[in-house]
């Protein structure tokens, strides 16, 4: 697995398994798809609550039988912890940083809480996560370059009615508002779609 960040979160081509990388942010042309507890979350996965991650499964491709399309190179599944707890508990995180020469700072604020609803039967987790990457610089027209804003919310119910049955109900909301990226990668197929001649043919 090769996992690199070259031009921000729009650079889906940074995910490669067994050397297969389409070098495009177009989700229809990618070879590695990401999943959250087995649910497809196309594109770079912003809603992952790091405090809740139990494990990350990297599956060599092709995985079309298990995970469907866009997994010919493989699949990455982020599996979260079960909110199974006897007492009210939670996590709180706040990070701040600056990029040299940037106009704004970067910060990441996360709050997560686990709580039992019915003893030994039903539990819940709720989280909210705000991420901000400040503007790296501005274009000649004054437009921000490299700015990324993400708001994520999640609510999970986990139930164990008996020893043989478990039920997970999960709701997620993720909103990304980005400016023009500092670097933009395109696939030759995208050039061809614009009417440009690609290759010798």
C-alpha atoms as a PDB file:
ATOM      1  CA  UNK A   1       0.000   0.000   0.000  1.00  0.00           C
ATOM      2  CA  UNK A   2       1.243   3.468  -0.943  1.00  0.00           C
ATOM      3  CA  UNK A   3      -0.548   6.306   0.849  1.00  0.00           C
ATOM      4  CA  UNK A   4       0.768   9.758  -0.001  1.00  0.00           C
ATOM      5  CA  UNK A   5      -0.639  13.267   0.130  1.00  0.00           C
ATOM      6  CA  UNK A   6       0.667  15.276  -2.808  1.00  0.00           C
ATOM      7  CA  UNK A   7      -1.963  17.901  -3.552  1.00  0.00           C
ATOM      8  CA  UNK A   8      -4.410  17.779  -0.668  1.00  0.00           C
ATOM      9  CA  UNK A   9      -7.377  15.550  -0.124  1.00  0.00           C
ATOM     10  CA  UNK A  10      -8.584  15.837  -3.736  1.00  0.00           C
ATOM     11  CA  UNK A  11      -5.598  13.750  -4.793  1.00  0.00           C
ATOM     12  CA  UNK A  12      -7.268  10.346  -4.806  1.00  0.00           C
ATOM     13  CA  UNK A  13      -4.346   8.995  -6.845  1.00  0.00           C
ATOM     14  CA  UNK A  14      -2.266   9.087  -3.650  1.00  0.00           C
ATOM     15  CA  UNK A  15      -3.917   5.743  -2.783  1.00  0.00           C
ATOM     16  CA  UNK A  16      -2.255   2.843  -4.571  1.00  0.00           C
ATOM     17  CA  UNK A  17      -2.159  -0.900  -3.923  1.00  0.00           C
ATOM     18  CA  UNK A  18       0.321  -3.156  -5.719  1.00  0.00           C
ATOM     19  CA  UNK A  19       1.512  -0.129  -7.710  1.00  0.00           C
ATOM     20  CA  UNK A  20      -1.842   0.456  -9.419  1.00  0.00           C
ATOM     21  CA  UNK A  21      -2.640   4.173  -9.415  1.00  0.00           C
ATOM     22  CA  UNK A  22      -4.726   5.986 -12.064  1.00  0.00           C
ATOM     23  CA  UNK A  23      -3.299   9.436 -11.198  1.00  0.00           C
ATOM     24  CA  UNK A  24      -6.683  11.173 -11.233  1.00  0.00           C
ATOM     25  CA  UNK A  25      -9.110  12.710  -8.726  1.00  0.00           C
ATOM     26  CA  UNK A  26     -11.999  11.337 -10.804  1.00  0.00           C
ATOM     27  CA  UNK A  27     -13.703   8.762  -8.580  1.00  0.00           C
ATOM     28  CA  UNK A  28     -14.969   6.818 -11.609  1.00  0.00           C
ATOM     29  CA  UNK A  29     -11.387   6.142 -12.697  1.00  0.00           C
ATOM     30  CA  UNK A  30      -9.819   5.281  -9.372  1.00  0.00           C
ATOM     31  CA  UNK A  31      -8.632   1.797  -8.499  1.00  0.00           C
ATOM     32  CA  UNK A  32      -8.766   1.914  -4.677  1.00  0.00           C
ATOM     33  CA  UNK A  33     -11.990   2.798  -2.890  1.00  0.00           C
ATOM     34  CA  UNK A  34     -12.404   3.645   0.785  1.00  0.00           C
ATOM     35  CA  UNK A  35     -15.092   2.360   3.131  1.00  0.00           C
ATOM     36  CA  UNK A  36     -16.335   3.224   6.622  1.00  0.00           C
ATOM     37  CA  UNK A  37     -17.468   0.097   8.453  1.00  0.00           C
ATOM     38  CA  UNK A  38     -18.063  -1.499   5.064  1.00  0.00           C
ATOM     39  CA  UNK A  39     -20.044   1.454   3.656  1.00  0.00           C
ATOM     40  CA  UNK A  40     -18.637   3.131   0.525  1.00  0.00           C
ATOM     41  CA  UNK A  41     -17.468   6.720   1.059  1.00  0.00           C
ATOM     42  CA  UNK A  42     -16.084   7.692  -2.345  1.00  0.00           C
ATOM     43  CA  UNK A  43     -13.173  10.048  -2.512  1.00  0.00           C
ATOM     44  CA  UNK A  44     -10.767  10.874   0.290  1.00  0.00           C
ATOM     45  CA  UNK A  45     -12.431   9.986   3.570  1.00  0.00           C
ATOM     46  CA  UNK A  46     -12.851  13.099   5.706  1.00  0.00           C
ATOM     47  CA  UNK A  47     -15.427  11.811   8.170  1.00  0.00           C
ATOM     48  CA  UNK A  48     -13.171   9.267   9.888  1.00  0.00           C
ATOM     49  CA  UNK A  49     -13.279   9.878  13.624  1.00  0.00           C
ATOM     50  CA  UNK A  50      -9.694   8.955  14.490  1.00  0.00           C
ATOM     51  CA  UNK A  51     -10.552   8.590  18.181  1.00  0.00           C
ATOM     52  CA  UNK A  52     -13.018   5.839  17.254  1.00  0.00           C
ATOM     53  CA  UNK A  53     -10.830   3.783  14.897  1.00  0.00           C
ATOM     54  CA  UNK A  54     -10.296   0.185  16.017  1.00  0.00           C
ATOM     55  CA  UNK A  55      -8.451  -1.016  12.927  1.00  0.00           C
ATOM     56  CA  UNK A  56      -7.857  -0.273   9.255  1.00  0.00           C
ATOM     57  CA  UNK A  57      -8.239  -3.171   6.830  1.00  0.00           C
ATOM     58  CA  UNK A  58      -6.288  -3.019   3.557  1.00  0.00           C
ATOM     59  CA  UNK A  59      -7.490  -5.627   1.063  1.00  0.00           C
ATOM     60  CA  UNK A  60      -5.551  -6.373  -2.107  1.00  0.00           C
ATOM     61  CA  UNK A  61      -7.645  -6.248  -5.262  1.00  0.00           C
ATOM     62  CA  UNK A  62      -9.626  -6.975  -7.142  1.00  0.00           C
ATOM     63  CA  UNK A  63     -12.385  -6.717  -4.523  1.00  0.00           C
ATOM     64  CA  UNK A  64     -15.432  -6.276  -6.778  1.00  0.00           C
ATOM     65  CA  UNK A  65     -17.149  -9.351  -5.339  1.00  0.00           C
ATOM     66  CA  UNK A  66     -17.036  -8.007  -1.778  1.00  0.00           C
ATOM     67  CA  UNK A  67     -17.043  -4.223  -2.192  1.00  0.00           C
ATOM     68  CA  UNK A  68     -18.330  -3.573  -5.726  1.00  0.00           C
ATOM     69  CA  UNK A  69     -16.997  -1.209  -8.379  1.00  0.00           C
ATOM     70  CA  UNK A  70     -13.811   0.896  -8.349  1.00  0.00           C
ATOM     71  CA  UNK A  71     -11.826  -1.636  -6.322  1.00  0.00           C
ATOM     72  CA  UNK A  72      -9.784  -3.377  -9.015  1.00  0.00           C
ATOM     73  CA  UNK A  73      -6.576  -2.485  -7.161  1.00  0.00           C
ATOM     74  CA  UNK A  74      -8.023  -3.043  -3.695  1.00  0.00           C
ATOM     75  CA  UNK A  75     -10.095  -1.555  -0.895  1.00  0.00           C
ATOM     76  CA  UNK A  76      -9.446   0.223   2.404  1.00  0.00           C
ATOM     77  CA  UNK A  77     -12.010  -0.221   5.179  1.00  0.00           C
ATOM     78  CA  UNK A  78     -11.941   1.930   8.341  1.00  0.00           C
ATOM     79  CA  UNK A  79     -13.523  -0.075  11.171  1.00  0.00           C
ATOM     80  CA  UNK A  80     -14.600   1.809  14.309  1.00  0.00           C
ATOM     81  CA  UNK A  81     -14.837   0.665  17.900  1.00  0.00           C
ATOM     82  CA  UNK A  82     -18.188  -0.437  19.274  1.00  0.00           C
ATOM     83  CA  UNK A  83     -19.601   2.138  21.730  1.00  0.00           C
ATOM     84  CA  UNK A  84     -19.945  -0.596  24.338  1.00  0.00           C
ATOM     85  CA  UNK A  85     -19.345   0.931  27.763  1.00  0.00           C
ATOM     86  CA  UNK A  86     -20.759   0.668  31.291  1.00  0.00           C
ATOM     87  CA  UNK A  87     -20.283   4.349  32.089  1.00  0.00           C
ATOM     88  CA  UNK A  88     -20.443   7.688  30.309  1.00  0.00           C
ATOM     89  CA  UNK A  89     -17.080   8.350  28.649  1.00  0.00           C
ATOM     90  CA  UNK A  90     -15.665  10.472  25.858  1.00  0.00           C
ATOM     91  CA  UNK A  91     -12.791  12.092  24.001  1.00  0.00           C
ATOM     92  CA  UNK A  92     -11.912  15.728  23.424  1.00  0.00           C
ATOM     93  CA  UNK A  93      -9.143  16.849  21.055  1.00  0.00           C
ATOM     94  CA  UNK A  94      -7.941  20.236  19.858  1.00  0.00           C
ATOM     95  CA  UNK A  95      -4.952  20.711  17.554  1.00  0.00           C
ATOM     96  CA  UNK A  96      -3.534  23.862  15.992  1.00  0.00           C
ATOM     97  CA  UNK A  97      -0.679  24.435  13.558  1.00  0.00           C
ATOM     98  CA  UNK A  98       0.652  26.911  10.994  1.00  0.00           C
ATOM     99  CA  UNK A  99       2.234  26.419   7.580  1.00  0.00           C
ATOM    100  CA  UNK A 100       5.224  28.636   6.832  1.00  0.00           C
ATOM    101  CA  UNK A 101       4.093  31.520   4.666  1.00  0.00           C
ATOM    102  CA  UNK A 102       0.390  30.623   4.995  1.00  0.00           C
ATOM    103  CA  UNK A 103      -2.250  33.275   5.552  1.00  0.00           C
ATOM    104  CA  UNK A 104      -4.292  31.311   8.103  1.00  0.00           C
ATOM    105  CA  UNK A 105      -3.746  28.627  10.724  1.00  0.00           C
ATOM    106  CA  UNK A 106      -4.895  24.997  10.696  1.00  0.00           C
ATOM    107  CA  UNK A 107      -6.974  23.501  13.462  1.00  0.00           C
ATOM    108  CA  UNK A 108      -8.815  20.291  14.246  1.00  0.00           C
ATOM    109  CA  UNK A 109     -11.472  20.088  16.996  1.00  0.00           C
ATOM    110  CA  UNK A 110     -13.100  16.780  17.942  1.00  0.00           C
ATOM    111  CA  UNK A 111     -15.625  15.844  20.647  1.00  0.00           C
ATOM    112  CA  UNK A 112     -16.879  12.283  21.027  1.00  0.00           C
ATOM    113  CA  UNK A 113     -19.042  10.658  23.728  1.00  0.00           C
ATOM    114  CA  UNK A 114     -20.069   7.035  24.473  1.00  0.00           C
ATOM    115  CA  UNK A 115     -23.022   6.263  26.701  1.00  0.00           C
ATOM    116  CA  UNK A 116     -24.997   3.185  27.787  1.00  0.00           C
ATOM    117  CA  UNK A 117     -28.733   3.391  27.065  1.00  0.00           C
ATOM    118  CA  UNK A 118     -29.999  -0.028  28.207  1.00  0.00           C
ATOM    119  CA  UNK A 119     -27.715  -2.040  30.469  1.00  0.00           C
ATOM    120  CA  UNK A 120     -25.903  -4.792  28.549  1.00  0.00           C
ATOM    121  CA  UNK A 121     -28.271  -4.275  25.587  1.00  0.00           C
ATOM    122  CA  UNK A 122     -27.968  -0.882  23.903  1.00  0.00           C
ATOM    123  CA  UNK A 123     -25.222   1.749  23.620  1.00  0.00           C
ATOM    124  CA  UNK A 124     -24.684   4.954  21.634  1.00  0.00           C
ATOM    125  CA  UNK A 125     -21.886   7.171  20.371  1.00  0.00           C
ATOM    126  CA  UNK A 126     -22.105  10.746  19.109  1.00  0.00           C
ATOM    127  CA  UNK A 127     -19.290  12.863  17.700  1.00  0.00           C
ATOM    128  CA  UNK A 128     -18.669  16.197  16.046  1.00  0.00           C
ATOM    129  CA  UNK A 129     -15.467  17.143  14.232  1.00  0.00           C
ATOM    130  CA  UNK A 130     -14.424  20.489  12.720  1.00  0.00           C
ATOM    131  CA  UNK A 131     -11.291  20.675  10.562  1.00  0.00           C
ATOM    132  CA  UNK A 132      -9.819  23.792   9.002  1.00  0.00           C
ATOM    133  CA  UNK A 133      -6.763  24.109   6.779  1.00  0.00           C
ATOM    134  CA  UNK A 134      -5.919  27.742   6.260  1.00  0.00           C
ATOM    135  CA  UNK A 135      -5.295  29.477   2.966  1.00  0.00           C
ATOM    136  CA  UNK A 136      -1.764  28.757   1.715  1.00  0.00           C
ATOM    137  CA  UNK A 137      -1.682  31.842  -0.534  1.00  0.00           C
ATOM    138  CA  UNK A 138      -3.980  33.892  -2.761  1.00  0.00           C
ATOM    139  CA  UNK A 139      -4.219  33.971  -6.535  1.00  0.00           C
ATOM    140  CA  UNK A 140      -3.540  37.187  -8.497  1.00  0.00           C
ATOM    141  CA  UNK A 141      -7.320  37.762  -8.457  1.00  0.00           C
ATOM    142  CA  UNK A 142      -7.441  37.407  -4.672  1.00  0.00           C
ATOM    143  CA  UNK A 143      -8.987  33.905  -4.578  1.00  0.00           C
ATOM    144  CA  UNK A 144      -7.818  31.638  -1.710  1.00  0.00           C
ATOM    145  CA  UNK A 145      -5.620  28.693  -2.695  1.00  0.00           C
ATOM    146  CA  UNK A 146      -5.373  25.500  -0.622  1.00  0.00           C
ATOM    147  CA  UNK A 147      -8.116  26.309   1.897  1.00  0.00           C
ATOM    148  CA  UNK A 148     -10.061  23.278   3.209  1.00  0.00           C
ATOM    149  CA  UNK A 149     -13.051  23.281   5.579  1.00  0.00           C
ATOM    150  CA  UNK A 150     -14.709  20.096   6.863  1.00  0.00           C
ATOM    151  CA  UNK A 151     -17.655  19.643   9.224  1.00  0.00           C
ATOM    152  CA  UNK A 152     -18.468  16.085  10.313  1.00  0.00           C
ATOM    153  CA  UNK A 153     -21.201  14.724  12.578  1.00  0.00           C
ATOM    154  CA  UNK A 154     -21.998  11.152  13.534  1.00  0.00           C
ATOM    155  CA  UNK A 155     -24.438   9.140  15.634  1.00  0.00           C
ATOM    156  CA  UNK A 156     -24.176   5.374  16.198  1.00  0.00           C
ATOM    157  CA  UNK A 157     -26.438   2.961  18.048  1.00  0.00           C
ATOM    158  CA  UNK A 158     -25.098  -0.489  18.883  1.00  0.00           C
ATOM    159  CA  UNK A 159     -27.347  -3.260  20.240  1.00  0.00           C
ATOM    160  CA  UNK A 160     -26.844  -6.837  21.449  1.00  0.00           C
ATOM    161  CA  UNK A 161     -30.349  -8.270  21.870  1.00  0.00           C
ATOM    162  CA  UNK A 162     -28.869 -11.695  22.667  1.00  0.00           C
ATOM    163  CA  UNK A 163     -25.601 -13.604  22.388  1.00  0.00           C
ATOM    164  CA  UNK A 164     -26.161 -14.395  18.692  1.00  0.00           C
ATOM    165  CA  UNK A 165     -27.359 -11.057  17.308  1.00  0.00           C
ATOM    166  CA  UNK A 166     -25.693  -7.645  17.058  1.00  0.00           C
ATOM    167  CA  UNK A 167     -27.216  -4.595  15.374  1.00  0.00           C
ATOM    168  CA  UNK A 168     -25.441  -1.368  14.374  1.00  0.00           C
ATOM    169  CA  UNK A 169     -27.328   1.706  13.179  1.00  0.00           C
ATOM    170  CA  UNK A 170     -25.088   4.532  12.018  1.00  0.00           C
ATOM    171  CA  UNK A 171     -25.775   7.999  10.665  1.00  0.00           C
ATOM    172  CA  UNK A 172     -23.053  10.294   9.291  1.00  0.00           C
ATOM    173  CA  UNK A 173     -23.010  13.776   7.822  1.00  0.00           C
ATOM    174  CA  UNK A 174     -19.875  15.189   6.216  1.00  0.00           C
ATOM    175  CA  UNK A 175     -19.581  18.545   4.462  1.00  0.00           C
ATOM    176  CA  UNK A 176     -16.406  19.738   2.736  1.00  0.00           C
ATOM    177  CA  UNK A 177     -15.991  23.303   1.467  1.00  0.00           C
ATOM    178  CA  UNK A 178     -12.668  23.777  -0.297  1.00  0.00           C
ATOM    179  CA  UNK A 179     -11.118  26.538  -2.322  1.00  0.00           C
ATOM    180  CA  UNK A 180      -8.992  25.969  -5.411  1.00  0.00           C
ATOM    181  CA  UNK A 181      -6.340  23.319  -4.585  1.00  0.00           C
ATOM    182  CA  UNK A 182      -2.668  24.246  -4.728  1.00  0.00           C
ATOM    183  CA  UNK A 183      -2.072  21.429  -7.240  1.00  0.00           C
ATOM    184  CA  UNK A 184      -4.603  19.846  -9.600  1.00  0.00           C
ATOM    185  CA  UNK A 185      -3.967  16.468 -11.258  1.00  0.00           C
ATOM    186  CA  UNK A 186      -5.869  15.248 -14.311  1.00  0.00           C
ATOM    187  CA  UNK A 187      -6.009  11.959 -16.158  1.00  0.00           C
ATOM    188  CA  UNK A 188      -5.351  11.810 -19.957  1.00  0.00           C
ATOM    189  CA  UNK A 189      -8.907  10.482 -20.349  1.00  0.00           C
ATOM    190  CA  UNK A 190     -10.105  13.790 -18.917  1.00  0.00           C
ATOM    191  CA  UNK A 191      -8.006  15.650 -21.499  1.00  0.00           C
ATOM    192  CA  UNK A 192      -9.548  13.515 -24.256  1.00  0.00           C
ATOM    193  CA  UNK A 193     -13.037  14.382 -22.961  1.00  0.00           C
ATOM    194  CA  UNK A 194     -12.141  18.066 -23.482  1.00  0.00           C
ATOM    195  CA  UNK A 195     -11.249  17.371 -27.114  1.00  0.00           C
ATOM    196  CA  UNK A 196      -7.461  17.388 -26.677  1.00  0.00           C
ATOM    197  CA  UNK A 197      -5.322  14.940 -28.646  1.00  0.00           C
ATOM    198  CA  UNK A 198      -3.670  12.424 -26.350  1.00  0.00           C
ATOM    199  CA  UNK A 199      -0.892  10.082 -27.470  1.00  0.00           C
ATOM    200  CA  UNK A 200       0.131   9.350 -31.017  1.00  0.00           C
ATOM    201  CA  UNK A 201      -3.306   8.157 -32.274  1.00  0.00           C
END
